[in-house]
Amino acid sequence: MHAQSHVREAFVDWAENVTLGQAAWHDVATEFEGNEYQVDSLLGRLWNCTDQLPSSPLLLIDMPPSSNGTYAAMVRHLKAEYRNPN
């Protein structure tokens, strides 16, 4: 499934900001290019996105080794590891 580019870009921006310490995994919302996005909505919209992630070193830091490099794989990993703590 293909997701809209602004959704993918907002997600990448948020994830990179988290990696840089400028945002947090538990953030409720994020701003990208003057628009506010609910983080859980971004994650939900990318849950089945088979588009390949950009080769951002910041995103790759947290990708599981078994990942296929898609948005869906990253979102599922982040949701399991960070958004739903035990």
PDB file of N, CA and C in Angstrom:
ATOM      1  N   MET A   1       0.827  -1.174   0.000  1.00  0.00           N
ATOM      2  CA  MET A   1       0.000   0.000   0.000  1.00  0.00           C
ATOM      3  C   MET A   1       0.878   1.248   0.000  1.00  0.00           C
ATOM      4  N   HIS A   2       0.485   2.218  -0.750  1.00  0.00           N
ATOM      5  CA  HIS A   2       1.232   3.459  -0.902  1.00  0.00           C
ATOM      6  C   HIS A   2       0.614   4.544  -0.021  1.00  0.00           C
ATOM      7  N   ALA A   3       1.440   5.283   0.708  1.00  0.00           N
ATOM      8  CA  ALA A   3       0.953   6.392   1.530  1.00  0.00           C
ATOM      9  C   ALA A   3       1.331   7.711   0.870  1.00  0.00           C
ATOM     10  N   GLN A   4       0.556   8.736   1.167  1.00  0.00           N
ATOM     11  CA  GLN A   4       0.821  10.055   0.593  1.00  0.00           C
ATOM     12  C   GLN A   4       2.183  10.568   1.042  1.00  0.00           C
ATOM     13  N   SER A   5       2.848  11.301   0.167  1.00  0.00           N
ATOM     14  CA  SER A   5       4.211  11.759   0.453  1.00  0.00           C
ATOM     15  C   SER A   5       4.279  12.648   1.686  1.00  0.00           C
ATOM     16  N   HIS A   6       3.289  13.521   1.910  1.00  0.00           N
ATOM     17  CA  HIS A   6       3.362  14.395   3.082  1.00  0.00           C
ATOM     18  C   HIS A   6       3.251  13.592   4.386  1.00  0.00           C
ATOM     19  N   VAL A   7       2.558  12.479   4.366  1.00  0.00           N
ATOM     20  CA  VAL A   7       2.461  11.611   5.547  1.00  0.00           C
ATOM     21  C   VAL A   7       3.805  10.942   5.791  1.00  0.00           C
ATOM     22  N   ARG A   8       4.399  10.414   4.732  1.00  0.00           N
ATOM     23  CA  ARG A   8       5.714   9.769   4.871  1.00  0.00           C
ATOM     24  C   ARG A   8       6.764  10.775   5.342  1.00  0.00           C
ATOM     25  N   GLU A   9       6.756  11.964   4.756  1.00  0.00           N
ATOM     26  CA  GLU A   9       7.739  12.983   5.111  1.00  0.00           C
ATOM     27  C   GLU A   9       7.559  13.463   6.555  1.00  0.00           C
ATOM     28  N   ALA A  10       6.325  13.628   6.999  1.00  0.00           N
ATOM     29  CA  ALA A  10       6.069  14.042   8.381  1.00  0.00           C
ATOM     30  C   ALA A  10       6.571  12.975   9.354  1.00  0.00           C
ATOM     31  N   PHE A  11       6.344  11.703   9.021  1.00  0.00           N
ATOM     32  CA  PHE A  11       6.817  10.605   9.863  1.00  0.00           C
ATOM     33  C   PHE A  11       8.342  10.599   9.945  1.00  0.00           C
ATOM     34  N   VAL A  12       9.013  10.704   8.807  1.00  0.00           N
ATOM     35  CA  VAL A  12      10.480  10.695   8.787  1.00  0.00           C
ATOM     36  C   VAL A  12      11.025  11.871   9.594  1.00  0.00           C
ATOM     37  N   ASP A  13      10.427  13.036   9.426  1.00  0.00           N
ATOM     38  CA  ASP A  13      10.862  14.223  10.167  1.00  0.00           C
ATOM     39  C   ASP A  13      10.729  13.985  11.667  1.00  0.00           C
ATOM     40  N   TRP A  14       9.585  13.456  12.106  1.00  0.00           N
ATOM     41  CA  TRP A  14       9.366  13.174  13.529  1.00  0.00           C
ATOM     42  C   TRP A  14      10.371  12.138  14.040  1.00  0.00           C
ATOM     43  N   ALA A  15      10.540  11.036  13.322  1.00  0.00           N
ATOM     44  CA  ALA A  15      11.444   9.972  13.767  1.00  0.00           C
ATOM     45  C   ALA A  15      12.887  10.469  13.839  1.00  0.00           C
ATOM     46  N   GLU A  16      13.301  11.269  12.880  1.00  0.00           N
ATOM     47  CA  GLU A  16      14.658  11.827  12.916  1.00  0.00           C
ATOM     48  C   GLU A  16      14.805  12.792  14.091  1.00  0.00           C
ATOM     49  N   ASN A  17      13.789  13.608  14.354  1.00  0.00           N
ATOM     50  CA  ASN A  17      13.841  14.522  15.497  1.00  0.00           C
ATOM     51  C   ASN A  17      13.915  13.766  16.814  1.00  0.00           C
ATOM     52  N   VAL A  18      13.233  12.644  16.908  1.00  0.00           N
ATOM     53  CA  VAL A  18      13.322  11.817  18.111  1.00  0.00           C
ATOM     54  C   VAL A  18      14.751  11.317  18.277  1.00  0.00           C
ATOM     55  N   THR A  19      15.337  10.823  17.205  1.00  0.00           N
ATOM     56  CA  THR A  19      16.701  10.300  17.256  1.00  0.00           C
ATOM     57  C   THR A  19      17.692  11.384  17.676  1.00  0.00           C
ATOM     58  N   LEU A  20      17.436  12.621  17.260  1.00  0.00           N
ATOM     59  CA  LEU A  20      18.312  13.747  17.607  1.00  0.00           C
ATOM     60  C   LEU A  20      18.009  14.335  18.985  1.00  0.00           C
ATOM     61  N   GLY A  21      16.982  13.833  19.659  1.00  0.00           N
ATOM     62  CA  GLY A  21      16.610  14.342  20.968  1.00  0.00           C
ATOM     63  C   GLY A  21      15.769  15.606  20.916  1.00  0.00           C
ATOM     64  N   GLN A  22      15.239  15.948  19.749  1.00  0.00           N
ATOM     65  CA  GLN A  22      14.429  17.152  19.589  1.00  0.00           C
ATOM     66  C   GLN A  22      12.935  16.859  19.673  1.00  0.00           C
ATOM     67  N   ALA A  23      12.572  15.593  19.849  1.00  0.00           N
ATOM     68  CA  ALA A  23      11.195  15.146  20.029  1.00  0.00           C
ATOM     69  C   ALA A  23      11.263  13.868  20.863  1.00  0.00           C
ATOM     70  N   ALA A  24      10.101  13.365  21.252  1.00  0.00           N
ATOM     71  CA  ALA A  24      10.080  12.163  22.091  1.00  0.00           C
ATOM     72  C   ALA A  24       9.171  11.108  21.475  1.00  0.00           C
ATOM     73  N   TRP A  25       9.480   9.835  21.759  1.00  0.00           N
ATOM     74  CA  TRP A  25       8.680   8.730  21.233  1.00  0.00           C
ATOM     75  C   TRP A  25       7.233   8.829  21.684  1.00  0.00           C
ATOM     76  N   HIS A  26       7.004   9.384  22.859  1.00  0.00           N
ATOM     77  CA  HIS A  26       5.645   9.451  23.398  1.00  0.00           C
ATOM     78  C   HIS A  26       4.894  10.731  22.996  1.00  0.00           C
ATOM     79  N   ASP A  27       5.466  11.537  22.115  1.00  0.00           N
ATOM     80  CA  ASP A  27       4.782  12.749  21.657  1.00  0.00           C
ATOM     81  C   ASP A  27       3.410  12.406  21.086  1.00  0.00           C
ATOM     82  N   VAL A  28       2.456  13.272  21.359  1.00  0.00           N
ATOM     83  CA  VAL A  28       1.100  13.085  20.839  1.00  0.00           C
ATOM     84  C   VAL A  28       0.984  13.663  19.437  1.00  0.00           C
ATOM     85  N   ALA A  29       1.669  14.789  19.207  1.00  0.00           N
ATOM     86  CA  ALA A  29       1.579  15.462  17.909  1.00  0.00           C
ATOM     87  C   ALA A  29       2.960  15.946  17.485  1.00  0.00           C
ATOM     88  N   THR A  30       3.085  16.203  16.195  1.00  0.00           N
ATOM     89  CA  THR A  30       4.310  16.747  15.640  1.00  0.00           C
ATOM     90  C   THR A  30       3.941  17.753  14.566  1.00  0.00           C
ATOM     91  N   GLU A  31       4.814  18.706  14.341  1.00  0.00           N
ATOM     92  CA  GLU A  31       4.568  19.710  13.304  1.00  0.00           C
ATOM     93  C   GLU A  31       5.540  19.481  12.155  1.00  0.00           C
ATOM     94  N   PHE A  32       5.029  19.597  10.954  1.00  0.00           N
ATOM     95  CA  PHE A  32       5.862  19.438   9.759  1.00  0.00           C
ATOM     96  C   PHE A  32       5.341  20.388   8.697  1.00  0.00           C
ATOM     97  N   GLU A  33       6.219  21.245   8.214  1.00  0.00           N
ATOM     98  CA  GLU A  33       5.891  22.218   7.170  1.00  0.00           C
ATOM     99  C   GLU A  33       4.613  23.001   7.495  1.00  0.00           C
ATOM    100  N   GLY A  34       4.508  23.437   8.760  1.00  0.00           N
ATOM    101  CA  GLY A  34       3.401  24.272   9.170  1.00  0.00           C
ATOM    102  C   GLY A  34       2.104  23.543   9.466  1.00  0.00           C
ATOM    103  N   ASN A  35       2.094  22.216   9.363  1.00  0.00           N
ATOM    104  CA  ASN A  35       0.896  21.420   9.658  1.00  0.00           C
ATOM    105  C   ASN A  35       1.151  20.544  10.875  1.00  0.00           C
ATOM    106  N   GLU A  36       0.113  20.380  11.693  1.00  0.00           N
ATOM    107  CA  GLU A  36       0.226  19.495  12.845  1.00  0.00           C
ATOM    108  C   GLU A  36      -0.337  18.126  12.502  1.00  0.00           C
ATOM    109  N   TYR A  37       0.393  17.095  12.907  1.00  0.00           N
ATOM    110  CA  TYR A  37      -0.010  15.711  12.671  1.00  0.00           C
ATOM    111  C   TYR A  37      -0.053  14.987  14.009  1.00  0.00           C
ATOM    112  N   GLN A  38      -1.086  14.205  14.226  1.00  0.00           N
ATOM    113  CA  GLN A  38      -1.149  13.334  15.394  1.00  0.00           C
ATOM    114  C   GLN A  38      -0.216  12.145  15.114  1.00  0.00           C
ATOM    115  N   VAL A  39       0.709  11.884  16.018  1.00  0.00           N
ATOM    116  CA  VAL A  39       1.704  10.832  15.793  1.00  0.00           C
ATOM    117  C   VAL A  39       1.022   9.476  15.610  1.00  0.00           C
ATOM    118  N   ASP A  40       0.051   9.152  16.447  1.00  0.00           N
ATOM    119  CA  ASP A  40      -0.621   7.856  16.289  1.00  0.00           C
ATOM    120  C   ASP A  40      -1.339   7.755  14.943  1.00  0.00           C
ATOM    121  N   SER A  41      -1.831   8.874  14.438  1.00  0.00           N
ATOM    122  CA  SER A  41      -2.466   8.874  13.115  1.00  0.00           C
ATOM    123  C   SER A  41      -1.428   8.600  12.027  1.00  0.00           C
ATOM    124  N   LEU A  42      -0.258   9.225  12.141  1.00  0.00           N
ATOM    125  CA  LEU A  42       0.818   8.948  11.176  1.00  0.00           C
ATOM    126  C   LEU A  42       1.175   7.469  11.193  1.00  0.00           C
ATOM    127  N   LEU A  43       1.347   6.929  12.404  1.00  0.00           N
ATOM    128  CA  LEU A  43       1.720   5.518  12.520  1.00  0.00           C
ATOM    129  C   LEU A  43       0.636   4.622  11.924  1.00  0.00           C
ATOM    130  N   GLY A  44      -0.611   4.951  12.180  1.00  0.00           N
ATOM    131  CA  GLY A  44      -1.710   4.160  11.639  1.00  0.00           C
ATOM    132  C   GLY A  44      -1.783   4.221  10.123  1.00  0.00           C
ATOM    133  N   ARG A  45      -1.534   5.397   9.558  1.00  0.00           N
ATOM    134  CA  ARG A  45      -1.611   5.557   8.109  1.00  0.00           C
ATOM    135  C   ARG A  45      -0.451   4.873   7.396  1.00  0.00           C
ATOM    136  N   LEU A  46       0.625   4.624   8.117  1.00  0.00           N
ATOM    137  CA  LEU A  46       1.797   3.968   7.521  1.00  0.00           C
ATOM    138  C   LEU A  46       1.909   2.493   7.906  1.00  0.00           C
ATOM    139  N   TRP A  47       0.977   1.991   8.676  1.00  0.00           N
ATOM    140  CA  TRP A  47       1.020   0.619   9.205  1.00  0.00           C
ATOM    141  C   TRP A  47       1.202  -0.419   8.104  1.00  0.00           C
ATOM    142  N   ASN A  48       0.580  -0.219   6.956  1.00  0.00           N
ATOM    143  CA  ASN A  48       0.681  -1.171   5.840  1.00  0.00           C
ATOM    144  C   ASN A  48       1.407  -0.594   4.630  1.00  0.00           C
ATOM    145  N   CYS A  49       2.137   0.484   4.830  1.00  0.00           N
ATOM    146  CA  CYS A  49       2.808   1.158   3.711  1.00  0.00           C
ATOM    147  C   CYS A  49       4.044   0.365   3.278  1.00  0.00           C
ATOM    148  N   THR A  50       4.018  -0.105   2.044  1.00  0.00           N
ATOM    149  CA  THR A  50       5.122  -0.918   1.529  1.00  0.00           C
ATOM    150  C   THR A  50       6.187  -0.094   0.809  1.00  0.00           C
ATOM    151  N   ASP A  51       6.040   1.229   0.850  1.00  0.00           N
ATOM    152  CA  ASP A  51       7.075   2.095   0.270  1.00  0.00           C
ATOM    153  C   ASP A  51       8.368   1.923   1.059  1.00  0.00           C
ATOM    154  N   GLN A  52       9.485   2.026   0.368  1.00  0.00           N
ATOM    155  CA  GLN A  52      10.788   1.906   1.009  1.00  0.00           C
ATOM    156  C   GLN A  52      11.132   3.194   1.732  1.00  0.00           C
ATOM    157  N   LEU A  53      11.700   3.046   2.925  1.00  0.00           N
ATOM    158  CA  LEU A  53      12.180   4.202   3.683  1.00  0.00           C
ATOM    159  C   LEU A  53      13.341   4.851   2.951  1.00  0.00           C
ATOM    160  N   PRO A  54      13.505   6.157   3.118  1.00  0.00           N
ATOM    161  CA  PRO A  54      14.714   6.782   2.566  1.00  0.00           C
ATOM    162  C   PRO A  54      15.926   6.247   3.317  1.00  0.00           C
ATOM    163  N   SER A  55      17.075   6.354   2.733  1.00  0.00           N
ATOM    164  CA  SER A  55      18.278   5.800   3.366  1.00  0.00           C
ATOM    165  C   SER A  55      18.853   6.785   4.379  1.00  0.00           C
ATOM    166  N   SER A  56      18.019   7.259   5.259  1.00  0.00           N
ATOM    167  CA  SER A  56      18.423   8.187   6.308  1.00  0.00           C
ATOM    168  C   SER A  56      19.211   7.449   7.380  1.00  0.00           C
ATOM    169  N   PRO A  57      20.439   7.875   7.638  1.00  0.00           N
ATOM    170  CA  PRO A  57      21.214   7.204   8.690  1.00  0.00           C
ATOM    171  C   PRO A  57      20.516   7.261  10.042  1.00  0.00           C
ATOM    172  N   LEU A  58      19.783   8.335  10.296  1.00  0.00           N
ATOM    173  CA  LEU A  58      19.103   8.455  11.577  1.00  0.00           C
ATOM    174  C   LEU A  58      17.991   7.433  11.722  1.00  0.00           C
ATOM    175  N   LEU A  59      17.263   7.164  10.655  1.00  0.00           N
ATOM    176  CA  LEU A  59      16.211   6.158  10.722  1.00  0.00           C
ATOM    177  C   LEU A  59      16.800   4.763  10.813  1.00  0.00           C
ATOM    178  N   LEU A  60      17.886   4.533  10.109  1.00  0.00           N
ATOM    179  CA  LEU A  60      18.476   3.199  10.067  1.00  0.00           C
ATOM    180  C   LEU A  60      19.064   2.776  11.405  1.00  0.00           C
ATOM    181  N   ILE A  61      19.387   3.749  12.261  1.00  0.00           N
ATOM    182  CA  ILE A  61      19.940   3.445  13.581  1.00  0.00           C
ATOM    183  C   ILE A  61      19.005   2.519  14.341  1.00  0.00           C
ATOM    184  N   ASP A  62      17.711   2.754  14.205  1.00  0.00           N
ATOM    185  CA  ASP A  62      16.753   2.018  15.015  1.00  0.00           C
ATOM    186  C   ASP A  62      16.036   0.897  14.262  1.00  0.00           C
ATOM    187  N   MET A  63      16.389   0.659  13.022  1.00  0.00           N
ATOM    188  CA  MET A  63      15.722  -0.394  12.253  1.00  0.00           C
ATOM    189  C   MET A  63      16.190  -1.761  12.721  1.00  0.00           C
ATOM    190  N   PRO A  64      15.252  -2.668  12.956  1.00  0.00           N
ATOM    191  CA  PRO A  64      15.652  -4.025  13.333  1.00  0.00           C
ATOM    192  C   PRO A  64      16.363  -4.714  12.169  1.00  0.00           C
ATOM    193  N   PRO A  65      17.330  -5.577  12.446  1.00  0.00           N
ATOM    194  CA  PRO A  65      18.092  -6.235  11.382  1.00  0.00           C
ATOM    195  C   PRO A  65      17.215  -7.037  10.417  1.00  0.00           C
ATOM    196  N   SER A  66      16.100  -7.554  10.894  1.00  0.00           N
ATOM    197  CA  SER A  66      15.231  -8.361  10.043  1.00  0.00           C
ATOM    198  C   SER A  66      14.278  -7.519   9.199  1.00  0.00           C
ATOM    199  N   SER A  67      14.378  -6.219   9.315  1.00  0.00           N
ATOM    200  CA  SER A  67      13.464  -5.317   8.611  1.00  0.00           C
ATOM    201  C   SER A  67      13.663  -5.386   7.106  1.00  0.00           C
ATOM    202  N   ASN A  68      12.579  -5.161   6.381  1.00  0.00           N
ATOM    203  CA  ASN A  68      12.675  -5.116   4.923  1.00  0.00           C
ATOM    204  C   ASN A  68      12.804  -3.682   4.413  1.00  0.00           C
ATOM    205  N   GLY A  69      12.983  -2.732   5.322  1.00  0.00           N
ATOM    206  CA  GLY A  69      13.225  -1.345   4.936  1.00  0.00           C
ATOM    207  C   GLY A  69      12.002  -0.564   4.513  1.00  0.00           C
ATOM    208  N   THR A  70      10.821  -1.037   4.864  1.00  0.00           N
ATOM    209  CA  THR A  70       9.606  -0.322   4.493  1.00  0.00           C
ATOM    210  C   THR A  70       9.118   0.536   5.655  1.00  0.00           C
ATOM    211  N   TYR A  71       8.246   1.479   5.320  1.00  0.00           N
ATOM    212  CA  TYR A  71       7.620   2.286   6.359  1.00  0.00           C
ATOM    213  C   TYR A  71       6.860   1.380   7.325  1.00  0.00           C
ATOM    214  N   ALA A  72       6.144   0.399   6.796  1.00  0.00           N
ATOM    215  CA  ALA A  72       5.367  -0.504   7.648  1.00  0.00           C
ATOM    216  C   ALA A  72       6.267  -1.204   8.664  1.00  0.00           C
ATOM    217  N   ALA A  73       7.422  -1.684   8.244  1.00  0.00           N
ATOM    218  CA  ALA A  73       8.338  -2.371   9.157  1.00  0.00           C
ATOM    219  C   ALA A  73       8.820  -1.429  10.250  1.00  0.00           C
ATOM    220  N   MET A  74       9.169  -0.200   9.880  1.00  0.00           N
ATOM    221  CA  MET A  74       9.642   0.773  10.870  1.00  0.00           C
ATOM    222  C   MET A  74       8.530   1.141  11.842  1.00  0.00           C
ATOM    223  N   VAL A  75       7.342   1.390  11.331  1.00  0.00           N
ATOM    224  CA  VAL A  75       6.217   1.779  12.185  1.00  0.00           C
ATOM    225  C   VAL A  75       5.887   0.661  13.168  1.00  0.00           C
ATOM    226  N   ARG A  76       5.838  -0.557  12.701  1.00  0.00           N
ATOM    227  CA  ARG A  76       5.514  -1.685  13.576  1.00  0.00           C
ATOM    228  C   ARG A  76       6.572  -1.856  14.656  1.00  0.00           C
ATOM    229  N   HIS A  77       7.827  -1.666  14.282  1.00  0.00           N
ATOM    230  CA  HIS A  77       8.924  -1.754  15.249  1.00  0.00           C
ATOM    231  C   HIS A  77       8.794  -0.645  16.295  1.00  0.00           C
ATOM    232  N   LEU A  78       8.606   0.582  15.846  1.00  0.00           N
ATOM    233  CA  LEU A  78       8.499   1.700  16.783  1.00  0.00           C
ATOM    234  C   LEU A  78       7.293   1.545  17.703  1.00  0.00           C
ATOM    235  N   LYS A  79       6.189   1.121  17.143  1.00  0.00           N
ATOM    236  CA  LYS A  79       4.970   0.960  17.953  1.00  0.00           C
ATOM    237  C   LYS A  79       5.189  -0.102  19.034  1.00  0.00           C
ATOM    238  N   ALA A  80       5.827  -1.197  18.662  1.00  0.00           N
ATOM    239  CA  ALA A  80       6.068  -2.278  19.622  1.00  0.00           C
ATOM    240  C   ALA A  80       7.108  -1.880  20.685  1.00  0.00           C
ATOM    241  N   GLU A  81       8.148  -1.203  20.260  1.00  0.00           N
ATOM    242  CA  GLU A  81       9.260  -0.898  21.164  1.00  0.00           C
ATOM    243  C   GLU A  81       9.050   0.355  22.006  1.00  0.00           C
ATOM    244  N   TYR A  82       8.399   1.363  21.455  1.00  0.00           N
ATOM    245  CA  TYR A  82       8.386   2.654  22.126  1.00  0.00           C
ATOM    246  C   TYR A  82       7.006   3.205  22.462  1.00  0.00           C
ATOM    247  N   ARG A  83       6.043   2.990  21.595  1.00  0.00           N
ATOM    248  CA  ARG A  83       4.737   3.602  21.793  1.00  0.00           C
ATOM    249  C   ARG A  83       3.872   2.808  22.766  1.00  0.00           C
ATOM    250  N   ASN A  84       4.154   1.530  22.935  1.00  0.00           N
ATOM    251  CA  ASN A  84       3.358   0.690  23.826  1.00  0.00           C
ATOM    252  C   ASN A  84       4.266   0.037  24.874  1.00  0.00           C
ATOM    253  N   PRO A  85       4.846   0.825  25.779  1.00  0.00           N
ATOM    254  CA  PRO A  85       5.760   0.244  26.766  1.00  0.00           C
ATOM    255  C   PRO A  85       5.015  -0.698  27.717  1.00  0.00           C
ATOM    256  N   ASN A  86       5.761  -1.673  28.209  1.00  0.00           N
ATOM    257  CA  ASN A  86       5.171  -2.647  29.164  1.00  0.00           C
ATOM    258  C   ASN A  86       5.012  -2.057  30.537  1.00  0.00           C
TER     259      ASN A  86
END
